């Protein structure tokens, strides 16, 4: 019998850990919800959820040494997936209501408010996946569920061979913004796969298969 990949959902006080865990189980993973450092480092995959303000999520992650866990995993080529604010905090800075907060700095760039007449951007939206995307294999034309007012609206990381080119997926609400990034072992989605019905489960299944 084939072993199900083991995924830890990092439990640092963010609100959607259990819905994310249930979605991962449906997608084919063996799931543990914990902030235990050893379990988070040893798992085949680590999922970092995020709901709320950039600063609160960044502070709570650092409180459980989540920043160190993510760094250690990536240094060893071990997969990490961020969701919603769990994606946003991977960038260098987040600017909310005039408050500039230092992110985890895995990617350069700033997360800022979308220039849209209606915020939050809440509901279903289409995305434009990059060619060669693993996450969106077979689901490029599906819609995904977003709940956010802030996003990364540009990509500045310059990657040269032999490192693979990041796969960038865009969506639009007032302006183009990054809906997902696939950058080596580090991937993230601005939308919520766990709230995106069957398309979200298939995306998580694609990620789980990539854990290898």
Foldseek 3Di string as FASTA:
>chain_A
DDAFFEEEEEPLPADCSVLVQVLLVVLGHHYDYYLDLVCLQPGLEYEYEHDDDLQVSQVSCVVSPVLVSVVNCVVVLGAYEYEASRVQLCEQWEADPNDIDGGSHVFYAYKYFAQAPDPDPFAKFAKQWFPPDLLCVPPNGAIFTAHGGIATQDHDDDDDPPFDDKIFMWTDHNHIGTQKIDGRRYIYGNTDLSPGPPSSSSSSSSNSVVSD
